[in-house]
Amino acid sequence: MATTQAEKSYSLLREKIVEGALAPGDRLVNRSLAEEFGVSVIPLREAINRMASEGLVNQIPGAGAFVHLPEEQEVRELWIFRECIECSSAAEAARHISDRELAELERILANWMELTEEIENQANQKATRAQMKRWMINEEAFHSRIVEASRNRFLARTVRENQMLTRLFGVESKQLIMEAKDAKRTCEEHRQLIEVLRSRDPDAARDLMSKHIAAQ
């Protein structure tokens, strides 16, 4: 099935927000974005309306549309929500995860370790924008695999519905400031999580996921 212009606009706009090219609080200029995406203004408006319904964009009458700028309380609430959902997912995944899914997590970890080595070899030992994009793609994939391994459709649906908000709320704090030591610590946390999932220990998986989220 061909991608509609509205879907194309949504995908490209989402990517710009996740990468930080459009930061929280930035105004969305319809004509400029439509020209950049190679679409007309109408499908772009549809994409913006969709993002507004998801809480990613604020539409202010007479002023335009802006990337949602989260308040401190919103960020705190989302992180509490994420801890509840993802810790439960990790515990359930420890009961149901397959060898194939464990191998997928190992592959993602290998990508992270390779990226960490790149960051370590840079003069300032800080991630670039491109490296952060790769890091976040791996992070989303890693956590998605664990949720899928929980075999709980309601957990999976809830995480999917809120994943973009989680990335949007975290983009400012992570963008361009992650240092090599933080990357190494995160890799070790993920390695330990894979091991407790392999050992089928739900309580340990829940505890490790909680510590991992708290450290972010």
C-alpha atoms as a PDB file:
ATOM      1  CA  MET A   1       0.000   0.000   0.000  1.00  0.00           C
ATOM      2  CA  ALA A   2       1.358   3.383  -0.986  1.00  0.00           C
ATOM      3  CA  THR A   3       2.184   5.840   1.747  1.00  0.00           C
ATOM      4  CA  THR A   4      -0.187   8.793   1.728  1.00  0.00           C
ATOM      5  CA  GLN A   5       1.119  12.342   1.755  1.00  0.00           C
ATOM      6  CA  ALA A   6      -0.255  12.817   5.281  1.00  0.00           C
ATOM      7  CA  GLU A   7       1.561   9.686   6.500  1.00  0.00           C
ATOM      8  CA  LYS A   8       4.747  10.850   4.803  1.00  0.00           C
ATOM      9  CA  SER A   9       4.406  14.255   6.462  1.00  0.00           C
ATOM     10  CA  TYR A  10       3.786  12.662   9.855  1.00  0.00           C
ATOM     11  CA  SER A  11       6.798  10.370   9.543  1.00  0.00           C
ATOM     12  CA  LEU A  12       9.168  13.151   8.461  1.00  0.00           C
ATOM     13  CA  LEU A  13       7.891  15.589  11.077  1.00  0.00           C
ATOM     14  CA  ARG A  14       8.199  12.928  13.777  1.00  0.00           C
ATOM     15  CA  GLU A  15      11.788  12.273  12.726  1.00  0.00           C
ATOM     16  CA  LYS A  16      12.704  15.963  12.927  1.00  0.00           C
ATOM     17  CA  ILE A  17      11.287  16.187  16.445  1.00  0.00           C
ATOM     18  CA  VAL A  18      12.950  12.992  17.669  1.00  0.00           C
ATOM     19  CA  GLU A  19      16.324  14.031  16.231  1.00  0.00           C
ATOM     20  CA  GLY A  20      16.044  17.437  17.886  1.00  0.00           C
ATOM     21  CA  ALA A  21      15.988  19.370  14.595  1.00  0.00           C
ATOM     22  CA  LEU A  22      12.674  20.702  15.903  1.00  0.00           C
ATOM     23  CA  ALA A  23      13.010  21.215  19.638  1.00  0.00           C
ATOM     24  CA  PRO A  24      10.246  21.481  22.251  1.00  0.00           C
ATOM     25  CA  GLY A  25       8.744  24.966  21.977  1.00  0.00           C
ATOM     26  CA  ASP A  26       9.677  25.456  18.299  1.00  0.00           C
ATOM     27  CA  ARG A  27       6.966  26.815  15.996  1.00  0.00           C
ATOM     28  CA  LEU A  28       5.909  24.638  13.058  1.00  0.00           C
ATOM     29  CA  VAL A  29       5.895  26.782   9.901  1.00  0.00           C
ATOM     30  CA  ASN A  30       3.491  24.998   7.554  1.00  0.00           C
ATOM     31  CA  ARG A  31       4.682  26.298   4.198  1.00  0.00           C
ATOM     32  CA  SER A  32       8.374  25.827   4.958  1.00  0.00           C
ATOM     33  CA  LEU A  33       7.853  22.286   6.231  1.00  0.00           C
ATOM     34  CA  ALA A  34       5.568  21.367   3.339  1.00  0.00           C
ATOM     35  CA  GLU A  35       8.186  22.563   0.864  1.00  0.00           C
ATOM     36  CA  GLU A  36      10.934  20.661   2.689  1.00  0.00           C
ATOM     37  CA  PHE A  37       8.883  17.433   2.731  1.00  0.00           C
ATOM     38  CA  GLY A  38       7.715  17.776  -0.872  1.00  0.00           C
ATOM     39  CA  VAL A  39       4.018  17.833   0.000  1.00  0.00           C
ATOM     40  CA  SER A  40       1.209  20.376  -0.029  1.00  0.00           C
ATOM     41  CA  VAL A  41       0.097  22.242   3.066  1.00  0.00           C
ATOM     42  CA  ILE A  42      -3.101  20.181   3.478  1.00  0.00           C
ATOM     43  CA  PRO A  43      -1.462  16.795   4.292  1.00  0.00           C
ATOM     44  CA  LEU A  44       1.033  18.593   6.515  1.00  0.00           C
ATOM     45  CA  ARG A  45      -1.849  20.083   8.483  1.00  0.00           C
ATOM     46  CA  GLU A  46      -3.325  16.603   8.824  1.00  0.00           C
ATOM     47  CA  ALA A  47      -0.020  15.372  10.241  1.00  0.00           C
ATOM     48  CA  ILE A  48       0.131  18.286  12.696  1.00  0.00           C
ATOM     49  CA  ASN A  49      -3.459  17.637  13.786  1.00  0.00           C
ATOM     50  CA  ARG A  50      -2.584  13.996  14.389  1.00  0.00           C
ATOM     51  CA  MET A  51       0.408  14.989  16.500  1.00  0.00           C
ATOM     52  CA  ALA A  52      -1.746  17.441  18.437  1.00  0.00           C
ATOM     53  CA  SER A  53      -4.170  14.606  19.268  1.00  0.00           C
ATOM     54  CA  GLU A  54      -1.193  12.571  20.548  1.00  0.00           C
ATOM     55  CA  GLY A  55       0.040  15.385  22.770  1.00  0.00           C
ATOM     56  CA  LEU A  56       3.179  16.013  20.715  1.00  0.00           C
ATOM     57  CA  VAL A  57       2.122  19.399  19.343  1.00  0.00           C
ATOM     58  CA  ASN A  58       0.291  22.346  20.882  1.00  0.00           C
ATOM     59  CA  GLN A  59      -2.050  24.316  18.617  1.00  0.00           C
ATOM     60  CA  ILE A  60      -2.577  27.873  19.844  1.00  0.00           C
ATOM     61  CA  PRO A  61      -5.354  29.906  18.140  1.00  0.00           C
ATOM     62  CA  GLY A  62      -3.905  32.933  16.410  1.00  0.00           C
ATOM     63  CA  ALA A  63      -0.317  31.842  17.046  1.00  0.00           C
ATOM     64  CA  GLY A  64       0.111  28.524  15.247  1.00  0.00           C
ATOM     65  CA  ALA A  65       1.377  25.071  16.152  1.00  0.00           C
ATOM     66  CA  PHE A  66       4.377  24.390  18.389  1.00  0.00           C
ATOM     67  CA  VAL A  67       6.309  21.291  19.426  1.00  0.00           C
ATOM     68  CA  HIS A  68       5.032  20.447  22.869  1.00  0.00           C
ATOM     69  CA  LEU A  69       7.240  21.869  25.616  1.00  0.00           C
ATOM     70  CA  PRO A  70       6.733  19.594  28.628  1.00  0.00           C
ATOM     71  CA  GLU A  71       6.527  20.989  32.116  1.00  0.00           C
ATOM     72  CA  GLU A  72       8.656  19.489  34.865  1.00  0.00           C
ATOM     73  CA  GLN A  73       5.619  17.787  36.425  1.00  0.00           C
ATOM     74  CA  GLU A  74       4.723  16.145  33.103  1.00  0.00           C
ATOM     75  CA  VAL A  75       8.221  14.696  32.773  1.00  0.00           C
ATOM     76  CA  ARG A  76       8.077  13.382  36.345  1.00  0.00           C
ATOM     77  CA  GLU A  77       4.673  11.774  35.772  1.00  0.00           C
ATOM     78  CA  LEU A  78       5.753  10.170  32.499  1.00  0.00           C
ATOM     79  CA  TRP A  79       8.855   8.669  34.086  1.00  0.00           C
ATOM     80  CA  ILE A  80       6.766   7.214  36.934  1.00  0.00           C
ATOM     81  CA  PHE A  81       4.380   5.779  34.348  1.00  0.00           C
ATOM     82  CA  ARG A  82       7.266   4.392  32.301  1.00  0.00           C
ATOM     83  CA  GLU A  83       8.803   2.717  35.352  1.00  0.00           C
ATOM     84  CA  CYS A  84       5.506   1.011  36.229  1.00  0.00           C
ATOM     85  CA  ILE A  85       4.894  -0.269  32.696  1.00  0.00           C
ATOM     86  CA  GLU A  86       8.417  -1.234  31.682  1.00  0.00           C
ATOM     87  CA  CYS A  87       9.282  -2.899  34.983  1.00  0.00           C
ATOM     88  CA  SER A  88       6.177  -5.065  34.651  1.00  0.00           C
ATOM     89  CA  SER A  89       7.140  -5.812  31.038  1.00  0.00           C
ATOM     90  CA  ALA A  90      10.638  -6.876  32.084  1.00  0.00           C
ATOM     91  CA  ALA A  91       9.279  -9.220  34.763  1.00  0.00           C
ATOM     92  CA  GLU A  92       6.863 -10.826  32.302  1.00  0.00           C
ATOM     93  CA  ALA A  93       9.553 -11.020  29.618  1.00  0.00           C
ATOM     94  CA  ALA A  94      11.738 -13.030  32.006  1.00  0.00           C
ATOM     95  CA  ARG A  95       8.967 -15.634  32.064  1.00  0.00           C
ATOM     96  CA  HIS A  96       8.305 -15.784  28.315  1.00  0.00           C
ATOM     97  CA  ILE A  97      11.288 -14.523  26.293  1.00  0.00           C
ATOM     98  CA  SER A  98      12.559 -16.831  23.544  1.00  0.00           C
ATOM     99  CA  ASP A  99      16.138 -17.629  22.541  1.00  0.00           C
ATOM    100  CA  ARG A 100      15.569 -15.713  19.300  1.00  0.00           C
ATOM    101  CA  GLU A 101      14.504 -12.612  21.206  1.00  0.00           C
ATOM    102  CA  LEU A 102      17.511 -12.894  23.511  1.00  0.00           C
ATOM    103  CA  ALA A 103      19.737 -13.052  20.430  1.00  0.00           C
ATOM    104  CA  GLU A 104      18.082  -9.876  19.111  1.00  0.00           C
ATOM    105  CA  LEU A 105      18.826  -8.099  22.396  1.00  0.00           C
ATOM    106  CA  GLU A 106      22.447  -9.279  22.168  1.00  0.00           C
ATOM    107  CA  ARG A 107      22.669  -7.850  18.638  1.00  0.00           C
ATOM    108  CA  ILE A 108      21.362  -4.473  19.809  1.00  0.00           C
ATOM    109  CA  LEU A 109      23.847  -4.516  22.705  1.00  0.00           C
ATOM    110  CA  ALA A 110      26.676  -5.192  20.237  1.00  0.00           C
ATOM    111  CA  ASN A 111      25.605  -2.125  18.247  1.00  0.00           C
ATOM    112  CA  TRP A 112      25.623  -0.062  21.445  1.00  0.00           C
ATOM    113  CA  MET A 113      29.099  -1.257  22.409  1.00  0.00           C
ATOM    114  CA  GLU A 114      30.430  -0.385  18.963  1.00  0.00           C
ATOM    115  CA  LEU A 115      28.884   3.077  19.237  1.00  0.00           C
ATOM    116  CA  THR A 116      30.300   3.517  22.746  1.00  0.00           C
ATOM    117  CA  GLU A 117      33.776   2.761  21.419  1.00  0.00           C
ATOM    118  CA  GLU A 118      33.313   5.437  18.752  1.00  0.00           C
ATOM    119  CA  ILE A 119      32.363   7.994  21.407  1.00  0.00           C
ATOM    120  CA  GLU A 120      35.338   6.991  23.573  1.00  0.00           C
ATOM    121  CA  ASN A 121      37.711   7.550  20.660  1.00  0.00           C
ATOM    122  CA  GLN A 122      36.527  11.124  20.089  1.00  0.00           C
ATOM    123  CA  ALA A 123      38.536  13.977  21.564  1.00  0.00           C
ATOM    124  CA  ASN A 124      35.749  15.280  23.836  1.00  0.00           C
ATOM    125  CA  GLN A 125      34.243  11.824  24.457  1.00  0.00           C
ATOM    126  CA  LYS A 126      30.727  13.194  23.906  1.00  0.00           C
ATOM    127  CA  ALA A 127      28.104  11.874  21.496  1.00  0.00           C
ATOM    128  CA  THR A 128      27.343  13.821  18.333  1.00  0.00           C
ATOM    129  CA  ARG A 129      23.811  14.403  17.059  1.00  0.00           C
ATOM    130  CA  ALA A 130      24.205  11.543  14.551  1.00  0.00           C
ATOM    131  CA  GLN A 131      25.476   9.199  17.240  1.00  0.00           C
ATOM    132  CA  MET A 132      22.591  10.133  19.534  1.00  0.00           C
ATOM    133  CA  LYS A 133      20.151   9.332  16.734  1.00  0.00           C
ATOM    134  CA  ARG A 134      21.683   5.861  16.391  1.00  0.00           C
ATOM    135  CA  TRP A 135      21.694   5.437  20.167  1.00  0.00           C
ATOM    136  CA  MET A 136      18.004   6.329  20.491  1.00  0.00           C
ATOM    137  CA  ILE A 137      17.032   3.993  17.646  1.00  0.00           C
ATOM    138  CA  ASN A 138      18.768   1.145  19.474  1.00  0.00           C
ATOM    139  CA  GLU A 139      17.193   2.156  22.786  1.00  0.00           C
ATOM    140  CA  GLU A 140      13.697   2.155  21.327  1.00  0.00           C
ATOM    141  CA  ALA A 141      14.323  -1.225  19.677  1.00  0.00           C
ATOM    142  CA  PHE A 142      15.746  -2.761  22.876  1.00  0.00           C
ATOM    143  CA  HIS A 143      12.853  -1.725  25.081  1.00  0.00           C
ATOM    144  CA  SER A 144      10.296  -2.635  22.397  1.00  0.00           C
ATOM    145  CA  ARG A 145      11.732  -6.169  22.178  1.00  0.00           C
ATOM    146  CA  ILE A 146      11.375  -6.597  25.934  1.00  0.00           C
ATOM    147  CA  VAL A 147       7.771  -5.390  25.876  1.00  0.00           C
ATOM    148  CA  GLU A 148       6.988  -7.760  22.987  1.00  0.00           C
ATOM    149  CA  ALA A 149       8.587 -10.613  24.924  1.00  0.00           C
ATOM    150  CA  SER A 150       6.185  -9.995  27.813  1.00  0.00           C
ATOM    151  CA  ARG A 151       3.438 -11.567  25.653  1.00  0.00           C
ATOM    152  CA  ASN A 152       0.993  -9.015  27.071  1.00  0.00           C
ATOM    153  CA  ARG A 153      -0.904  -7.147  24.362  1.00  0.00           C
ATOM    154  CA  PHE A 154      -2.131  -4.472  26.754  1.00  0.00           C
ATOM    155  CA  LEU A 155       1.356  -3.632  27.987  1.00  0.00           C
ATOM    156  CA  ALA A 156       2.615  -3.538  24.405  1.00  0.00           C
ATOM    157  CA  ARG A 157      -0.187  -1.250  23.248  1.00  0.00           C
ATOM    158  CA  THR A 158       0.287   1.146  26.157  1.00  0.00           C
ATOM    159  CA  VAL A 159       4.036   1.409  25.551  1.00  0.00           C
ATOM    160  CA  ARG A 160       3.551   2.024  21.812  1.00  0.00           C
ATOM    161  CA  GLU A 161       1.031   4.770  22.495  1.00  0.00           C
ATOM    162  CA  ASN A 162       3.409   6.600  24.838  1.00  0.00           C
ATOM    163  CA  GLN A 163       6.785   5.818  23.275  1.00  0.00           C
ATOM    164  CA  MET A 164       6.914   8.985  21.207  1.00  0.00           C
ATOM    165  CA  LEU A 165       6.136  11.159  24.229  1.00  0.00           C
ATOM    166  CA  THR A 166       8.924   9.456  26.136  1.00  0.00           C
ATOM    167  CA  ARG A 167      11.385  10.201  23.343  1.00  0.00           C
ATOM    168  CA  LEU A 168      10.186  13.773  22.962  1.00  0.00           C
ATOM    169  CA  PHE A 169      10.452  14.474  26.692  1.00  0.00           C
ATOM    170  CA  GLY A 170      13.943  13.008  26.803  1.00  0.00           C
ATOM    171  CA  VAL A 171      15.400  14.543  23.652  1.00  0.00           C
ATOM    172  CA  GLU A 172      16.554  17.797  25.260  1.00  0.00           C
ATOM    173  CA  SER A 173      18.295  16.146  28.186  1.00  0.00           C
ATOM    174  CA  LYS A 174      20.110  13.521  26.104  1.00  0.00           C
ATOM    175  CA  GLN A 175      20.878  15.418  22.936  1.00  0.00           C
ATOM    176  CA  LEU A 176      24.585  15.988  22.383  1.00  0.00           C
ATOM    177  CA  ILE A 177      25.553  15.663  26.039  1.00  0.00           C
ATOM    178  CA  MET A 178      25.934  11.923  26.624  1.00  0.00           C
ATOM    179  CA  GLU A 179      29.517  11.163  27.548  1.00  0.00           C
ATOM    180  CA  ALA A 180      31.463   7.970  26.992  1.00  0.00           C
ATOM    181  CA  LYS A 181      31.295   7.036  30.688  1.00  0.00           C
ATOM    182  CA  ASP A 182      27.480   7.268  30.592  1.00  0.00           C
ATOM    183  CA  ALA A 183      27.371   5.152  27.442  1.00  0.00           C
ATOM    184  CA  LYS A 184      29.567   2.474  29.081  1.00  0.00           C
ATOM    185  CA  ARG A 185      27.381   2.440  32.188  1.00  0.00           C
ATOM    186  CA  THR A 186      24.233   2.058  30.099  1.00  0.00           C
ATOM    187  CA  CYS A 187      25.740  -0.795  28.087  1.00  0.00           C
ATOM    188  CA  GLU A 188      26.609  -2.615  31.310  1.00  0.00           C
ATOM    189  CA  GLU A 189      23.060  -2.140  32.626  1.00  0.00           C
ATOM    190  CA  HIS A 190      21.647  -3.605  29.419  1.00  0.00           C
ATOM    191  CA  ARG A 191      24.101  -6.520  29.526  1.00  0.00           C
ATOM    192  CA  GLN A 192      23.001  -7.329  33.087  1.00  0.00           C
ATOM    193  CA  LEU A 193      19.355  -7.104  32.064  1.00  0.00           C
ATOM    194  CA  ILE A 194      19.882  -9.564  29.232  1.00  0.00           C
ATOM    195  CA  GLU A 195      21.509 -11.973  31.683  1.00  0.00           C
ATOM    196  CA  VAL A 196      18.626 -11.903  34.173  1.00  0.00           C
ATOM    197  CA  LEU A 197      16.147 -12.357  31.324  1.00  0.00           C
ATOM    198  CA  ARG A 198      18.168 -15.378  30.202  1.00  0.00           C
ATOM    199  CA  SER A 199      18.131 -16.744  33.743  1.00  0.00           C
ATOM    200  CA  ARG A 200      14.301 -16.381  33.841  1.00  0.00           C
ATOM    201  CA  ASP A 201      14.353 -14.284  37.030  1.00  0.00           C
ATOM    202  CA  PRO A 202      11.293 -11.970  37.025  1.00  0.00           C
ATOM    203  CA  ASP A 203      12.119 -10.199  40.298  1.00  0.00           C
ATOM    204  CA  ALA A 204      15.695  -9.425  39.251  1.00  0.00           C
ATOM    205  CA  ALA A 205      14.480  -8.222  35.841  1.00  0.00           C
ATOM    206  CA  ARG A 206      11.970  -5.889  37.478  1.00  0.00           C
ATOM    207  CA  ASP A 207      14.589  -4.480  39.865  1.00  0.00           C
ATOM    208  CA  LEU A 208      17.222  -3.945  37.166  1.00  0.00           C
ATOM    209  CA  MET A 209      14.762  -2.205  34.846  1.00  0.00           C
ATOM    210  CA  SER A 210      13.737   0.092  37.689  1.00  0.00           C
ATOM    211  CA  LYS A 211      17.356   1.048  38.381  1.00  0.00           C
ATOM    212  CA  HIS A 212      18.026   1.561  34.671  1.00  0.00           C
ATOM    213  CA  ILE A 213      15.098   3.955  34.225  1.00  0.00           C
ATOM    214  CA  ALA A 214      15.959   5.843  37.418  1.00  0.00           C
ATOM    215  CA  ALA A 215      19.519   6.393  36.165  1.00  0.00           C
ATOM    216  CA  GLN A 216      18.406   8.026  32.915  1.00  0.00           C
END
